[in-house]
Amino acid sequence: MNPALRRDNRREPRFAADGAVRVWFNGPKPLEIQGRLVDVSASGFRMAHNYTTLEAGQTVNFRHLDASGRARVVWNRIDGTRVETGFLLEGA
C-alpha cells in the first residue's frame, strides 16, 4: 500500500523528542538499555536503540528527560542493528 494513502490510527498526538532514554528490568538477567528518544505522547514513547531482543508485553523501568516510571513494550521495528520500540506507560 502506498504510505501516503495509509490511514493514521493513532489515538493521540505524538510529538518529536530527542534526548537520552534508559530502560532497565530486573529478573534472572538484569539488563539496562541506553537509547535515544524519538517521540512522546500522553500515554507512551518511542525510543531508538540497538538491543534486538526486547519482547512485546515485557515491562520495564524507564527514565528520560520528561518522565520516569514503568512501561510495557508494545511493538518493535528491527532494521539490521537499529531497533525502534514503542512503549505504553503503566496505568495509561
PDB file of N, CA and C in Angstrom:
ATOM      1  N   MET A   1       0.838  -1.179   0.000  1.00  0.00           N
ATOM      2  CA  MET A   1       0.000   0.000   0.000  1.00  0.00           C
ATOM      3  C   MET A   1       0.879   1.238   0.000  1.00  0.00           C
ATOM      4  N   ASN A   2       0.469   2.228  -0.709  1.00  0.00           N
ATOM      5  CA  ASN A   2       1.175   3.495  -0.777  1.00  0.00           C
ATOM      6  C   ASN A   2       1.146   4.154   0.607  1.00  0.00           C
ATOM      7  N   PRO A   3       2.320   4.483   1.188  1.00  0.00           N
ATOM      8  CA  PRO A   3       2.343   5.086   2.531  1.00  0.00           C
ATOM      9  C   PRO A   3       1.528   6.365   2.618  1.00  0.00           C
ATOM     10  N   ALA A   4       1.427   7.111   1.514  1.00  0.00           N
ATOM     11  CA  ALA A   4       0.663   8.351   1.539  1.00  0.00           C
ATOM     12  C   ALA A   4      -0.832   8.080   1.715  1.00  0.00           C
ATOM     13  N   LEU A   5      -1.281   6.872   1.350  1.00  0.00           N
ATOM     14  CA  LEU A   5      -2.691   6.528   1.462  1.00  0.00           C
ATOM     15  C   LEU A   5      -3.027   5.819   2.770  1.00  0.00           C
ATOM     16  N   ARG A   6      -2.017   5.445   3.528  1.00  0.00           N
ATOM     17  CA  ARG A   6      -2.222   4.718   4.778  1.00  0.00           C
ATOM     18  C   ARG A   6      -2.908   5.619   5.795  1.00  0.00           C
ATOM     19  N   ARG A   7      -3.943   5.104   6.437  1.00  0.00           N
ATOM     20  CA  ARG A   7      -4.656   5.844   7.464  1.00  0.00           C
ATOM     21  C   ARG A   7      -3.874   5.845   8.763  1.00  0.00           C
ATOM     22  N   ASP A   8      -3.863   6.939   9.454  1.00  0.00           N
ATOM     23  CA  ASP A   8      -3.192   7.034  10.743  1.00  0.00           C
ATOM     24  C   ASP A   8      -4.198   6.675  11.825  1.00  0.00           C
ATOM     25  N   ASN A   9      -3.983   5.535  12.492  1.00  0.00           N
ATOM     26  CA  ASN A   9      -4.913   5.059  13.514  1.00  0.00           C
ATOM     27  C   ASN A   9      -4.512   5.472  14.925  1.00  0.00           C
ATOM     28  N   ARG A  10      -3.606   6.403  15.056  1.00  0.00           N
ATOM     29  CA  ARG A  10      -3.167   6.824  16.382  1.00  0.00           C
ATOM     30  C   ARG A  10      -4.302   7.486  17.135  1.00  0.00           C
ATOM     31  N   ARG A  11      -4.385   7.193  18.413  1.00  0.00           N
ATOM     32  CA  ARG A  11      -5.472   7.726  19.244  1.00  0.00           C
ATOM     33  C   ARG A  11      -5.156   9.098  19.805  1.00  0.00           C
ATOM     34  N   GLU A  12      -3.884   9.437  19.881  1.00  0.00           N
ATOM     35  CA  GLU A  12      -3.493  10.717  20.443  1.00  0.00           C
ATOM     36  C   GLU A  12      -2.272  11.243  19.703  1.00  0.00           C
ATOM     37  N   PRO A  13      -2.059  12.548  19.734  1.00  0.00           N
ATOM     38  CA  PRO A  13      -0.915  13.109  19.004  1.00  0.00           C
ATOM     39  C   PRO A  13       0.416  12.690  19.617  1.00  0.00           C
ATOM     40  N   ARG A  14       1.402  12.564  18.767  1.00  0.00           N
ATOM     41  CA  ARG A  14       2.769  12.287  19.189  1.00  0.00           C
ATOM     42  C   ARG A  14       3.617  13.498  18.843  1.00  0.00           C
ATOM     43  N   PHE A  15       4.605  13.737  19.668  1.00  0.00           N
ATOM     44  CA  PHE A  15       5.459  14.903  19.487  1.00  0.00           C
ATOM     45  C   PHE A  15       6.907  14.456  19.390  1.00  0.00           C
ATOM     46  N   ALA A  16       7.600  14.964  18.390  1.00  0.00           N
ATOM     47  CA  ALA A  16       9.014  14.623  18.212  1.00  0.00           C
ATOM     48  C   ALA A  16       9.766  14.981  19.482  1.00  0.00           C
ATOM     49  N   ALA A  17      10.722  14.146  19.821  1.00  0.00           N
ATOM     50  CA  ALA A  17      11.519  14.362  21.025  1.00  0.00           C
ATOM     51  C   ALA A  17      12.951  13.920  20.746  1.00  0.00           C
ATOM     52  N   ASP A  18      13.852  14.378  21.556  1.00  0.00           N
ATOM     53  CA  ASP A  18      15.249  13.983  21.413  1.00  0.00           C
ATOM     54  C   ASP A  18      15.862  13.967  22.804  1.00  0.00           C
ATOM     55  N   GLY A  19      16.817  13.121  22.980  1.00  0.00           N
ATOM     56  CA  GLY A  19      17.493  13.039  24.263  1.00  0.00           C
ATOM     57  C   GLY A  19      17.719  11.593  24.645  1.00  0.00           C
ATOM     58  N   ALA A  20      18.496  11.427  25.677  1.00  0.00           N
ATOM     59  CA  ALA A  20      18.821  10.081  26.141  1.00  0.00           C
ATOM     60  C   ALA A  20      17.622   9.460  26.839  1.00  0.00           C
ATOM     61  N   VAL A  21      17.465   8.162  26.670  1.00  0.00           N
ATOM     62  CA  VAL A  21      16.459   7.403  27.400  1.00  0.00           C
ATOM     63  C   VAL A  21      17.103   6.102  27.855  1.00  0.00           C
ATOM     64  N   ARG A  22      16.734   5.676  29.025  1.00  0.00           N
ATOM     65  CA  ARG A  22      17.291   4.459  29.603  1.00  0.00           C
ATOM     66  C   ARG A  22      16.143   3.589  30.053  1.00  0.00           C
ATOM     67  N   VAL A  23      16.158   2.313  29.676  1.00  0.00           N
ATOM     68  CA  VAL A  23      15.190   1.353  30.191  1.00  0.00           C
ATOM     69  C   VAL A  23      15.962   0.220  30.842  1.00  0.00           C
ATOM     70  N   TRP A  24      15.385  -0.367  31.874  1.00  0.00           N
ATOM     71  CA  TRP A  24      16.035  -1.484  32.552  1.00  0.00           C
ATOM     72  C   TRP A  24      14.968  -2.373  33.172  1.00  0.00           C
ATOM     73  N   PHE A  25      15.349  -3.598  33.389  1.00  0.00           N
ATOM     74  CA  PHE A  25      14.455  -4.529  34.059  1.00  0.00           C
ATOM     75  C   PHE A  25      15.265  -5.461  34.920  1.00  0.00           C
ATOM     76  N   ASN A  26      14.598  -5.972  35.942  1.00  0.00           N
ATOM     77  CA  ASN A  26      15.216  -6.904  36.874  1.00  0.00           C
ATOM     78  C   ASN A  26      14.805  -8.309  36.490  1.00  0.00           C
ATOM     79  N   GLY A  27      15.253  -9.247  37.202  1.00  0.00           N
ATOM     80  CA  GLY A  27      14.899 -10.630  36.927  1.00  0.00           C
ATOM     81  C   GLY A  27      16.148 -11.480  36.949  1.00  0.00           C
ATOM     82  N   PRO A  28      16.047 -12.674  36.390  1.00  0.00           N
ATOM     83  CA  PRO A  28      17.197 -13.570  36.411  1.00  0.00           C
ATOM     84  C   PRO A  28      18.411 -12.969  35.694  1.00  0.00           C
ATOM     85  N   LYS A  29      18.151 -12.141  34.673  1.00  0.00           N
ATOM     86  CA  LYS A  29      19.239 -11.479  33.934  1.00  0.00           C
ATOM     87  C   LYS A  29      18.951  -9.983  33.866  1.00  0.00           C
ATOM     88  N   PRO A  30      19.296  -9.232  34.916  1.00  0.00           N
ATOM     89  CA  PRO A  30      19.051  -7.785  34.888  1.00  0.00           C
ATOM     90  C   PRO A  30      19.758  -7.157  33.685  1.00  0.00           C
ATOM     91  N   LEU A  31      19.142  -6.150  33.099  1.00  0.00           N
ATOM     92  CA  LEU A  31      19.692  -5.524  31.905  1.00  0.00           C
ATOM     93  C   LEU A  31      19.297  -4.062  31.853  1.00  0.00           C
ATOM     94  N   GLU A  32      20.206  -3.225  31.359  1.00  0.00           N
ATOM     95  CA  GLU A  32      19.922  -1.811  31.113  1.00  0.00           C
ATOM     96  C   GLU A  32      20.202  -1.519  29.649  1.00  0.00           C
ATOM     97  N   ILE A  33      19.284  -0.783  29.014  1.00  0.00           N
ATOM     98  CA  ILE A  33      19.414  -0.430  27.604  1.00  0.00           C
ATOM     99  C   ILE A  33      19.438   1.089  27.489  1.00  0.00           C
ATOM    100  N   GLN A  34      20.437   1.615  26.804  1.00  0.00           N
ATOM    101  CA  GLN A  34      20.560   3.048  26.539  1.00  0.00           C
ATOM    102  C   GLN A  34      20.091   3.317  25.125  1.00  0.00           C
ATOM    103  N   GLY A  35      19.373   4.409  24.913  1.00  0.00           N
ATOM    104  CA  GLY A  35      18.925   4.755  23.570  1.00  0.00           C
ATOM    105  C   GLY A  35      18.594   6.227  23.455  1.00  0.00           C
ATOM    106  N   ARG A  36      17.948   6.575  22.343  1.00  0.00           N
ATOM    107  CA  ARG A  36      17.544   7.952  22.057  1.00  0.00           C
ATOM    108  C   ARG A  36      16.030   8.028  21.951  1.00  0.00           C
ATOM    109  N   LEU A  37      15.461   9.026  22.553  1.00  0.00           N
ATOM    110  CA  LEU A  37      14.038   9.264  22.476  1.00  0.00           C
ATOM    111  C   LEU A  37      13.687   9.738  21.068  1.00  0.00           C
ATOM    112  N   VAL A  38      12.635   9.179  20.469  1.00  0.00           N
ATOM    113  CA  VAL A  38      12.201   9.555  19.118  1.00  0.00           C
ATOM    114  C   VAL A  38      10.959  10.429  19.192  1.00  0.00           C
ATOM    115  N   ASP A  39       9.944   9.978  19.938  1.00  0.00           N
ATOM    116  CA  ASP A  39       8.750  10.788  20.129  1.00  0.00           C
ATOM    117  C   ASP A  39       8.056  10.394  21.418  1.00  0.00           C
ATOM    118  N   VAL A  40       7.139  11.256  21.854  1.00  0.00           N
ATOM    119  CA  VAL A  40       6.386  11.025  23.086  1.00  0.00           C
ATOM    120  C   VAL A  40       4.917  11.341  22.841  1.00  0.00           C
ATOM    121  N   SER A  41       4.056  10.745  23.647  1.00  0.00           N
ATOM    122  CA  SER A  41       2.630  11.057  23.648  1.00  0.00           C
ATOM    123  C   SER A  41       2.184  11.056  25.104  1.00  0.00           C
ATOM    124  N   ALA A  42       0.924  11.322  25.330  1.00  0.00           N
ATOM    125  CA  ALA A  42       0.420  11.350  26.701  1.00  0.00           C
ATOM    126  C   ALA A  42       0.516   9.984  27.370  1.00  0.00           C
ATOM    127  N   SER A  43       0.483   8.904  26.572  1.00  0.00           N
ATOM    128  CA  SER A  43       0.461   7.575  27.180  1.00  0.00           C
ATOM    129  C   SER A  43       1.669   6.702  26.839  1.00  0.00           C
ATOM    130  N   GLY A  44       2.667   7.252  26.167  1.00  0.00           N
ATOM    131  CA  GLY A  44       3.810   6.412  25.836  1.00  0.00           C
ATOM    132  C   GLY A  44       4.942   7.166  25.178  1.00  0.00           C
ATOM    133  N   PHE A  45       5.897   6.386  24.660  1.00  0.00           N
ATOM    134  CA  PHE A  45       7.038   6.970  23.969  1.00  0.00           C
ATOM    135  C   PHE A  45       7.648   5.936  23.046  1.00  0.00           C
ATOM    136  N   ARG A  46       8.473   6.425  22.135  1.00  0.00           N
ATOM    137  CA  ARG A  46       9.210   5.552  21.219  1.00  0.00           C
ATOM    138  C   ARG A  46      10.682   5.872  21.375  1.00  0.00           C
ATOM    139  N   MET A  47      11.497   4.808  21.389  1.00  0.00           N
ATOM    140  CA  MET A  47      12.938   5.007  21.501  1.00  0.00           C
ATOM    141  C   MET A  47      13.662   4.212  20.430  1.00  0.00           C
ATOM    142  N   ALA A  48      14.828   4.714  20.025  1.00  0.00           N
ATOM    143  CA  ALA A  48      15.714   4.018  19.096  1.00  0.00           C
ATOM    144  C   ALA A  48      16.896   3.491  19.904  1.00  0.00           C
ATOM    145  N   HIS A  49      17.308   2.264  19.615  1.00  0.00           N
ATOM    146  CA  HIS A  49      18.403   1.632  20.347  1.00  0.00           C
ATOM    147  C   HIS A  49      18.931   0.484  19.502  1.00  0.00           C
ATOM    148  N   ASN A  50      19.797  -0.347  20.057  1.00  0.00           N
ATOM    149  CA  ASN A  50      20.333  -1.469  19.266  1.00  0.00           C
ATOM    150  C   ASN A  50      20.172  -2.822  19.951  1.00  0.00           C
ATOM    151  N   TYR A  51      19.241  -2.927  20.881  1.00  0.00           N
ATOM    152  CA  TYR A  51      19.003  -4.189  21.583  1.00  0.00           C
ATOM    153  C   TYR A  51      17.858  -4.917  20.889  1.00  0.00           C
ATOM    154  N   THR A  52      18.112  -6.029  20.250  1.00  0.00           N
ATOM    155  CA  THR A  52      17.121  -6.672  19.379  1.00  0.00           C
ATOM    156  C   THR A  52      16.208  -7.680  20.069  1.00  0.00           C
ATOM    157  N   THR A  53      16.358  -7.933  21.357  1.00  0.00           N
ATOM    158  CA  THR A  53      15.561  -8.993  21.969  1.00  0.00           C
ATOM    159  C   THR A  53      14.514  -8.522  22.983  1.00  0.00           C
ATOM    160  N   LEU A  54      14.170  -7.234  22.987  1.00  0.00           N
ATOM    161  CA  LEU A  54      13.014  -6.812  23.790  1.00  0.00           C
ATOM    162  C   LEU A  54      11.784  -7.496  23.210  1.00  0.00           C
ATOM    163  N   GLU A  55      10.852  -7.881  24.052  1.00  0.00           N
ATOM    164  CA  GLU A  55       9.661  -8.595  23.586  1.00  0.00           C
ATOM    165  C   GLU A  55       8.397  -7.825  23.934  1.00  0.00           C
ATOM    166  N   ALA A  56       7.430  -7.840  23.021  1.00  0.00           N
ATOM    167  CA  ALA A  56       6.137  -7.224  23.291  1.00  0.00           C
ATOM    168  C   ALA A  56       5.560  -7.834  24.565  1.00  0.00           C
ATOM    169  N   GLY A  57       5.007  -6.982  25.413  1.00  0.00           N
ATOM    170  CA  GLY A  57       4.442  -7.425  26.683  1.00  0.00           C
ATOM    171  C   GLY A  57       5.400  -7.309  27.853  1.00  0.00           C
ATOM    172  N   GLN A  58       6.672  -7.163  27.570  1.00  0.00           N
ATOM    173  CA  GLN A  58       7.682  -7.056  28.620  1.00  0.00           C
ATOM    174  C   GLN A  58       7.527  -5.707  29.334  1.00  0.00           C
ATOM    175  N   THR A  59       7.615  -5.715  30.655  1.00  0.00           N
ATOM    176  CA  THR A  59       7.515  -4.486  31.440  1.00  0.00           C
ATOM    177  C   THR A  59       8.902  -4.046  31.866  1.00  0.00           C
ATOM    178  N   VAL A  60       9.171  -2.740  31.715  1.00  0.00           N
ATOM    179  CA  VAL A  60      10.488  -2.188  32.032  1.00  0.00           C
ATOM    180  C   VAL A  60      10.330  -0.953  32.908  1.00  0.00           C
ATOM    181  N   ASN A  61      11.395  -0.590  33.564  1.00  0.00           N
ATOM    182  CA  ASN A  61      11.513   0.714  34.202  1.00  0.00           C
ATOM    183  C   ASN A  61      12.142   1.633  33.169  1.00  0.00           C
ATOM    184  N   PHE A  62      11.828   2.929  33.205  1.00  0.00           N
ATOM    185  CA  PHE A  62      12.422   3.842  32.236  1.00  0.00           C
ATOM    186  C   PHE A  62      12.688   5.200  32.864  1.00  0.00           C
ATOM    187  N   ARG A  63      13.574   5.946  32.204  1.00  0.00           N
ATOM    188  CA  ARG A  63      13.845   7.329  32.588  1.00  0.00           C
ATOM    189  C   ARG A  63      14.306   8.078  31.346  1.00  0.00           C
ATOM    190  N   HIS A  64      13.650   9.220  31.096  1.00  0.00           N
ATOM    191  CA  HIS A  64      14.135  10.155  30.084  1.00  0.00           C
ATOM    192  C   HIS A  64      13.892  11.561  30.620  1.00  0.00           C
ATOM    193  N   LEU A  65      14.252  12.562  29.856  1.00  0.00           N
ATOM    194  CA  LEU A  65      14.225  13.942  30.343  1.00  0.00           C
ATOM    195  C   LEU A  65      12.856  14.369  30.866  1.00  0.00           C
ATOM    196  N   ASP A  66      11.783  13.903  30.229  1.00  0.00           N
ATOM    197  CA  ASP A  66      10.445  14.365  30.592  1.00  0.00           C
ATOM    198  C   ASP A  66       9.714  13.484  31.596  1.00  0.00           C
ATOM    199  N   ALA A  67      10.139  12.238  31.774  1.00  0.00           N
ATOM    200  CA  ALA A  67       9.369  11.336  32.634  1.00  0.00           C
ATOM    201  C   ALA A  67      10.209  10.144  33.090  1.00  0.00           C
ATOM    202  N   SER A  68       9.677   9.443  34.067  1.00  0.00           N
ATOM    203  CA  SER A  68      10.264   8.178  34.514  1.00  0.00           C
ATOM    204  C   SER A  68       9.146   7.338  35.101  1.00  0.00           C
ATOM    205  N   GLY A  69       9.368   6.035  35.162  1.00  0.00           N
ATOM    206  CA  GLY A  69       8.351   5.154  35.719  1.00  0.00           C
ATOM    207  C   GLY A  69       8.455   3.766  35.133  1.00  0.00           C
ATOM    208  N   ARG A  70       7.290   3.143  34.906  1.00  0.00           N
ATOM    209  CA  ARG A  70       7.241   1.805  34.322  1.00  0.00           C
ATOM    210  C   ARG A  70       6.433   1.858  33.039  1.00  0.00           C
ATOM    211  N   ALA A  71       6.821   1.018  32.079  1.00  0.00           N
ATOM    212  CA  ALA A  71       6.134   0.981  30.791  1.00  0.00           C
ATOM    213  C   ALA A  71       6.180  -0.437  30.238  1.00  0.00           C
ATOM    214  N   ARG A  72       5.257  -0.714  29.320  1.00  0.00           N
ATOM    215  CA  ARG A  72       5.189  -2.025  28.676  1.00  0.00           C
ATOM    216  C   ARG A  72       5.591  -1.896  27.218  1.00  0.00           C
ATOM    217  N   VAL A  73       6.398  -2.840  26.739  1.00  0.00           N
ATOM    218  CA  VAL A  73       6.780  -2.885  25.331  1.00  0.00           C
ATOM    219  C   VAL A  73       5.532  -3.256  24.525  1.00  0.00           C
ATOM    220  N   VAL A  74       5.197  -2.429  23.524  1.00  0.00           N
ATOM    221  CA  VAL A  74       4.037  -2.692  22.684  1.00  0.00           C
ATOM    222  C   VAL A  74       4.467  -3.272  21.344  1.00  0.00           C
ATOM    223  N   TRP A  75       5.531  -2.736  20.757  1.00  0.00           N
ATOM    224  CA  TRP A  75       5.997  -3.211  19.450  1.00  0.00           C
ATOM    225  C   TRP A  75       7.484  -2.917  19.284  1.00  0.00           C
ATOM    226  N   ASN A  76       8.101  -3.643  18.355  1.00  0.00           N
ATOM    227  CA  ASN A  76       9.489  -3.424  17.944  1.00  0.00           C
ATOM    228  C   ASN A  76       9.554  -3.378  16.432  1.00  0.00           C
ATOM    229  N   ARG A  77      10.404  -2.527  15.913  1.00  0.00           N
ATOM    230  CA  ARG A  77      10.706  -2.489  14.483  1.00  0.00           C
ATOM    231  C   ARG A  77      12.221  -2.627  14.378  1.00  0.00           C
ATOM    232  N   ILE A  78      12.671  -3.714  13.748  1.00  0.00           N
ATOM    233  CA  ILE A  78      14.103  -4.005  13.666  1.00  0.00           C
ATOM    234  C   ILE A  78      14.554  -3.880  12.219  1.00  0.00           C
ATOM    235  N   ASP A  79      15.604  -3.071  12.000  1.00  0.00           N
ATOM    236  CA  ASP A  79      16.195  -2.883  10.681  1.00  0.00           C
ATOM    237  C   ASP A  79      17.704  -3.035  10.855  1.00  0.00           C
ATOM    238  N   GLY A  80      18.187  -4.251  10.634  1.00  0.00           N
ATOM    239  CA  GLY A  80      19.610  -4.522  10.880  1.00  0.00           C
ATOM    240  C   GLY A  80      19.882  -4.460  12.370  1.00  0.00           C
ATOM    241  N   THR A  81      20.777  -3.559  12.761  1.00  0.00           N
ATOM    242  CA  THR A  81      21.074  -3.408  14.187  1.00  0.00           C
ATOM    243  C   THR A  81      20.320  -2.232  14.801  1.00  0.00           C
ATOM    244  N   ARG A  82      19.588  -1.469  13.998  1.00  0.00           N
ATOM    245  CA  ARG A  82      18.786  -0.360  14.531  1.00  0.00           C
ATOM    246  C   ARG A  82      17.409  -0.891  14.926  1.00  0.00           C
ATOM    247  N   VAL A  83      17.012  -0.567  16.128  1.00  0.00           N
ATOM    248  CA  VAL A  83      15.732  -1.025  16.656  1.00  0.00           C
ATOM    249  C   VAL A  83      14.954   0.198  17.130  1.00  0.00           C
ATOM    250  N   GLU A  84      13.663   0.227  16.848  1.00  0.00           N
ATOM    251  CA  GLU A  84      12.760   1.196  17.446  1.00  0.00           C
ATOM    252  C   GLU A  84      11.725   0.410  18.226  1.00  0.00           C
ATOM    253  N   THR A  85      11.424   0.887  19.420  1.00  0.00           N
ATOM    254  CA  THR A  85      10.464   0.213  20.287  1.00  0.00           C
ATOM    255  C   THR A  85       9.442   1.229  20.766  1.00  0.00           C
ATOM    256  N   GLY A  86       8.179   0.831  20.725  1.00  0.00           N
ATOM    257  CA  GLY A  86       7.099   1.656  21.265  1.00  0.00           C
ATOM    258  C   GLY A  86       6.690   1.151  22.631  1.00  0.00           C
ATOM    259  N   PHE A  87       6.523   2.062  23.569  1.00  0.00           N
ATOM    260  CA  PHE A  87       6.187   1.736  24.945  1.00  0.00           C
ATOM    261  C   PHE A  87       4.881   2.407  25.371  1.00  0.00           C
ATOM    262  N   LEU A  88       4.084   1.708  26.155  1.00  0.00           N
ATOM    263  CA  LEU A  88       2.871   2.238  26.748  1.00  0.00           C
ATOM    264  C   LEU A  88       3.127   2.423  28.237  1.00  0.00           C
ATOM    265  N   LEU A  89       2.899   3.620  28.738  1.00  0.00           N
ATOM    266  CA  LEU A  89       3.126   3.881  30.161  1.00  0.00           C
ATOM    267  C   LEU A  89       2.189   3.053  31.014  1.00  0.00           C
ATOM    268  N   GLU A  90       2.705   2.531  32.104  1.00  0.00           N
ATOM    269  CA  GLU A  90       1.882   1.744  33.003  1.00  0.00           C
ATOM    270  C   GLU A  90       0.806   2.641  33.597  1.00  0.00           C
ATOM    271  N   GLY A  91      -0.422   2.168  33.579  1.00  0.00           N
ATOM    272  CA  GLY A  91      -1.533   2.952  34.095  1.00  0.00           C
ATOM    273  C   GLY A  91      -2.169   3.868  33.051  1.00  0.00           C
ATOM    274  N   ALA A  92      -1.631   3.880  31.838  1.00  0.00           N
ATOM    275  CA  ALA A  92      -2.197   4.762  30.790  1.00  0.00           C
ATOM    276  C   ALA A  92      -3.365   4.096  30.094  1.00  0.00           C
TER     277      ALA A  92
END
